[in-house]
N, C-alpha and C. Protein backbone atom coordinates (compact mmCIF):
# COMPACT_ATOMS: atom_id res chain seq x y z
N MET A 1 31.65 40.12 33.96
CA MET A 1 30.72 41.22 33.48
C MET A 1 30.22 40.85 32.14
N LYS A 2 28.99 41.20 31.93
CA LYS A 2 28.33 40.83 30.55
C LYS A 2 27.79 42.11 30.03
N ILE A 3 27.76 42.15 28.83
CA ILE A 3 26.94 43.27 28.27
C ILE A 3 25.66 43.00 27.51
N HIS A 4 24.59 43.55 27.93
CA HIS A 4 23.32 43.12 27.43
C HIS A 4 22.78 44.33 26.60
N GLU A 5 22.22 43.79 25.34
CA GLU A 5 21.82 44.76 24.54
C GLU A 5 20.47 44.67 24.55
N LYS A 6 19.68 45.72 24.85
CA LYS A 6 18.14 45.60 24.89
C LYS A 6 17.43 46.88 24.27
N LYS A 7 16.26 46.82 23.84
CA LYS A 7 15.35 47.70 23.23
C LYS A 7 14.73 48.44 24.47
N ILE A 8 14.35 49.81 24.25
CA ILE A 8 13.79 50.56 25.19
C ILE A 8 12.82 51.47 24.59
N ASN A 9 11.58 51.53 25.08
CA ASN A 9 10.48 52.29 24.41
C ASN A 9 10.85 53.75 24.67
N PRO A 10 10.48 54.50 23.58
CA PRO A 10 10.69 56.16 23.46
C PRO A 10 10.40 56.92 24.98
N GLN A 11 9.25 56.49 25.46
CA GLN A 11 8.59 57.00 26.79
C GLN A 11 9.54 56.83 28.01
N TRP A 12 10.14 55.53 27.91
CA TRP A 12 11.08 55.12 29.06
C TRP A 12 12.41 55.58 28.79
N PHE A 13 12.74 55.76 27.72
CA PHE A 13 14.11 56.33 27.15
C PHE A 13 14.21 57.75 27.52
N GLU A 14 13.16 58.68 27.39
CA GLU A 14 13.05 59.94 27.69
C GLU A 14 13.20 60.19 29.24
N LEU A 15 12.61 59.35 30.08
CA LEU A 15 12.71 59.30 31.38
C LEU A 15 14.10 59.02 31.91
N ARG A 16 14.63 58.20 31.28
CA ARG A 16 16.06 57.98 31.68
C ARG A 16 17.09 59.08 31.33
N ILE A 17 16.81 59.66 30.19
CA ILE A 17 17.63 60.89 29.88
C ILE A 17 17.41 61.90 30.70
N LYS A 18 16.16 62.21 31.37
CA LYS A 18 16.05 63.33 32.24
C LYS A 18 16.19 63.05 33.74
N GLY A 19 16.96 61.82 33.81
CA GLY A 19 17.20 61.40 35.18
C GLY A 19 16.22 60.97 36.24
N LEU A 20 14.87 60.54 35.43
CA LEU A 20 13.79 60.39 36.30
C LEU A 20 13.61 58.89 36.36
N LYS A 21 14.36 58.08 36.01
CA LYS A 21 14.23 56.51 35.93
C LYS A 21 15.64 55.86 35.90
N ASP A 22 15.75 55.20 37.06
CA ASP A 22 17.15 54.51 37.18
C ASP A 22 16.87 53.11 37.59
N TRP A 23 15.93 52.58 36.84
CA TRP A 23 15.72 51.14 37.19
C TRP A 23 15.09 50.41 35.81
N GLU A 24 15.09 49.23 35.64
CA GLU A 24 14.55 48.48 34.67
C GLU A 24 13.73 47.22 35.20
N ILE A 25 12.54 47.10 34.60
CA ILE A 25 11.81 45.78 34.98
C ILE A 25 11.79 44.93 33.58
N ARG A 26 12.60 43.59 33.81
CA ARG A 26 12.76 42.93 32.61
C ARG A 26 12.77 41.46 33.02
N ILE A 27 12.15 40.69 31.89
CA ILE A 27 12.33 39.16 32.03
C ILE A 27 13.77 38.95 32.10
N ASN A 28 13.98 38.03 32.98
CA ASN A 28 15.46 37.64 33.25
C ASN A 28 15.67 36.50 32.53
N ASP A 29 15.83 36.72 31.00
CA ASP A 29 16.28 35.83 30.12
C ASP A 29 17.71 35.72 29.86
N CYS A 30 18.68 36.33 30.62
CA CYS A 30 19.94 36.47 30.24
C CYS A 30 20.74 36.56 31.50
N ASP A 31 20.30 36.09 32.63
CA ASP A 31 20.94 36.04 33.92
C ASP A 31 21.64 37.56 34.28
N TYR A 32 20.82 38.35 34.47
CA TYR A 32 21.29 39.50 34.75
C TYR A 32 22.14 39.60 36.10
N GLN A 33 23.26 40.20 36.25
CA GLN A 33 24.26 40.23 37.45
C GLN A 33 24.53 41.81 37.73
N GLU A 34 24.70 41.91 39.20
CA GLU A 34 25.49 43.34 39.24
C GLU A 34 26.76 43.39 38.87
N GLY A 35 27.09 44.47 38.38
CA GLY A 35 28.17 44.83 37.59
C GLY A 35 28.17 44.77 36.14
N ASP A 36 27.04 44.04 35.61
CA ASP A 36 26.87 43.77 34.09
C ASP A 36 26.46 45.27 33.55
N TYR A 37 26.65 45.42 32.27
CA TYR A 37 26.22 46.78 31.57
C TYR A 37 25.10 46.26 30.55
N MET A 38 24.23 47.28 30.37
CA MET A 38 23.14 47.42 29.18
C MET A 38 23.19 48.48 28.44
N ILE A 39 23.29 48.05 27.28
CA ILE A 39 23.00 49.00 26.09
C ILE A 39 21.72 48.99 25.78
N LEU A 40 21.02 50.36 26.14
CA LEU A 40 19.47 50.42 25.97
C LEU A 40 19.31 51.23 24.69
N SER A 41 18.76 50.80 23.74
CA SER A 41 18.67 51.28 22.35
C SER A 41 17.24 51.60 22.19
N GLU A 42 16.87 52.97 21.99
CA GLU A 42 15.52 53.32 21.62
C GLU A 42 14.98 52.76 20.50
N TYR A 43 13.79 52.35 20.75
CA TYR A 43 13.03 51.40 19.73
C TYR A 43 11.32 51.84 19.52
N ASP A 44 11.06 52.28 18.60
CA ASP A 44 9.66 52.87 18.14
C ASP A 44 9.36 52.38 16.96
N ASN A 45 9.12 50.74 16.89
CA ASN A 45 9.10 50.07 15.44
C ASN A 45 10.07 49.94 14.61
N TYR A 46 11.19 50.76 15.02
CA TYR A 46 12.27 50.92 14.30
C TYR A 46 13.52 51.27 15.45
N TYR A 47 14.70 51.28 15.34
CA TYR A 47 15.77 51.59 16.29
C TYR A 47 15.95 53.25 15.77
N THR A 48 15.91 54.00 16.49
CA THR A 48 16.01 55.48 16.21
C THR A 48 17.53 55.91 16.10
N GLY A 49 18.33 55.34 16.71
CA GLY A 49 19.85 55.64 16.78
C GLY A 49 20.34 56.12 18.01
N ARG A 50 19.31 56.26 18.89
CA ARG A 50 19.78 56.78 20.16
C ARG A 50 19.81 55.63 21.10
N TYR A 51 20.85 55.78 21.91
CA TYR A 51 21.05 54.80 23.15
C TYR A 51 21.72 55.12 24.31
N MET A 52 21.98 54.40 25.21
CA MET A 52 22.58 54.73 26.41
C MET A 52 23.11 53.55 27.33
N ILE A 53 24.12 53.59 27.84
CA ILE A 53 24.97 52.49 28.47
C ILE A 53 24.71 52.89 29.75
N VAL A 54 24.30 51.57 30.42
CA VAL A 54 23.95 51.81 31.97
C VAL A 54 24.68 50.64 32.89
N MET A 55 25.15 50.70 33.97
CA MET A 55 25.49 49.60 34.80
C MET A 55 24.41 49.06 35.70
N ILE A 56 24.44 47.93 35.73
CA ILE A 56 23.35 47.10 36.79
C ILE A 56 24.02 47.30 38.11
N THR A 57 23.29 47.90 39.07
CA THR A 57 23.86 48.05 40.41
C THR A 57 23.26 47.08 41.35
N ASN A 58 21.92 46.53 41.07
CA ASN A 58 21.31 45.61 41.98
C ASN A 58 20.22 44.83 41.13
N VAL A 59 20.23 43.80 41.33
CA VAL A 59 19.14 42.62 40.63
C VAL A 59 18.28 42.28 41.75
N ALA A 60 16.72 42.53 41.77
CA ALA A 60 15.88 42.29 42.56
C ALA A 60 15.03 41.12 42.19
N LYS A 61 15.15 39.90 42.71
CA LYS A 61 14.51 38.76 42.36
C LYS A 61 13.40 38.54 43.13
N ASN A 62 12.36 37.71 42.79
CA ASN A 62 11.37 37.25 43.55
C ASN A 62 10.40 38.47 44.15
N VAL A 63 10.31 39.53 43.52
CA VAL A 63 9.57 40.72 43.79
C VAL A 63 8.19 40.26 44.00
N PRO A 64 7.38 40.57 45.12
CA PRO A 64 6.05 40.54 45.19
C PRO A 64 5.21 41.02 44.09
N HIS A 65 4.15 40.34 43.61
CA HIS A 65 3.38 40.67 42.51
C HIS A 65 3.86 40.60 41.27
N LEU A 66 5.04 40.28 40.95
CA LEU A 66 5.58 40.10 39.70
C LEU A 66 6.09 38.43 39.57
N PRO A 67 5.90 38.19 38.26
CA PRO A 67 6.23 36.75 37.88
C PRO A 67 7.46 36.29 38.40
N ALA A 68 7.66 35.26 38.59
CA ALA A 68 8.95 34.53 39.29
C ALA A 68 10.19 35.04 38.08
N ASP A 69 9.90 34.94 36.97
CA ASP A 69 10.83 35.20 35.89
C ASP A 69 11.19 36.70 35.60
N VAL A 70 10.81 37.65 36.20
CA VAL A 70 10.83 39.12 36.04
C VAL A 70 11.66 39.64 37.27
N VAL A 71 12.74 40.36 36.91
CA VAL A 71 13.47 40.98 37.85
C VAL A 71 13.54 42.77 37.65
N VAL A 72 13.83 43.26 38.90
CA VAL A 72 13.86 44.70 39.00
C VAL A 72 15.14 45.18 38.93
N LEU A 73 15.97 45.75 38.20
CA LEU A 73 17.23 46.23 37.82
C LEU A 73 17.38 47.61 38.32
N SER A 74 18.25 47.74 39.29
CA SER A 74 18.68 49.15 39.65
C SER A 74 19.97 49.38 38.73
N THR A 75 19.97 50.56 38.23
CA THR A 75 20.93 50.91 37.51
C THR A 75 21.61 52.40 37.56
N ARG A 76 22.75 52.47 37.06
CA ARG A 76 23.33 53.87 37.20
C ARG A 76 23.80 54.37 35.89
N ASP A 77 23.95 55.55 35.43
CA ASP A 77 24.54 56.20 34.14
C ASP A 77 26.24 55.69 34.26
N THR A 78 26.76 55.41 33.15
CA THR A 78 27.98 55.12 33.13
C THR A 78 28.94 56.24 32.95
N VAL A 79 30.10 56.27 33.25
CA VAL A 79 30.93 57.46 33.21
C VAL A 79 31.79 57.31 31.89
N PRO A 80 32.52 58.52 31.03
CA PRO A 80 33.05 58.16 29.98
C PRO A 80 34.03 57.17 29.60
N VAL A 81 34.91 56.83 30.52
CA VAL A 81 35.63 55.72 30.64
C VAL A 81 35.06 54.25 30.37
N GLU A 82 33.95 54.30 31.25
CA GLU A 82 33.25 52.91 31.07
C GLU A 82 32.58 52.66 29.78
N ARG A 83 31.79 53.98 29.22
CA ARG A 83 31.25 53.89 27.94
C ARG A 83 32.25 53.50 26.75
N GLU A 84 33.52 54.18 26.92
CA GLU A 84 34.42 53.86 25.89
C GLU A 84 34.73 52.44 25.99
N ARG A 85 35.08 51.89 27.04
CA ARG A 85 35.52 50.58 27.12
C ARG A 85 34.39 49.63 26.64
N ILE A 86 32.94 49.96 26.94
CA ILE A 86 32.07 49.22 26.42
C ILE A 86 31.98 49.01 24.87
N LEU A 87 32.02 50.24 24.33
CA LEU A 87 31.93 50.40 22.83
C LEU A 87 32.96 49.73 21.95
N GLU A 88 34.10 49.74 22.83
CA GLU A 88 35.48 49.03 22.24
C GLU A 88 35.24 47.68 22.21
N GLU A 89 34.36 47.11 23.33
CA GLU A 89 34.27 45.65 23.39
C GLU A 89 33.33 45.16 22.40
N MET A 90 32.15 46.17 22.12
CA MET A 90 31.34 45.76 21.16
C MET A 90 31.96 45.79 19.74
N ALA A 91 32.63 46.62 19.42
CA ALA A 91 33.48 46.61 18.07
C ALA A 91 34.22 45.53 17.80
N ARG A 92 34.83 45.00 18.92
CA ARG A 92 35.62 43.77 18.87
C ARG A 92 34.71 42.60 18.40
N ARG A 93 33.67 42.60 19.05
CA ARG A 93 32.66 41.49 18.76
C ARG A 93 32.05 41.38 17.38
N GLU A 94 32.11 42.59 16.86
CA GLU A 94 31.50 42.75 15.42
C GLU A 94 32.46 42.34 14.25
N ILE A 95 33.71 42.26 14.71
CA ILE A 95 34.85 41.88 13.78
C ILE A 95 34.67 40.28 13.21
């Protein structure tokens, strides 16, 4: 399991908050895997301070009409115990 820290545009962040978006289209620059977590930090020319933690449930590669290095990630919201574990891990990394 890896933890990926990524920026997300406010319009996409809002859709995620509303439960209308459970996917990400990303360049596969960090070998995304099912079971990995993503910390999505809202970014609008600066970090707004809002973030969410999601789990990757599926990685679709070689999607027609997308470049070979782009993947579609299916995601789900994390539950409190998962978020707590991820935040603890991130705090350990900053020490």
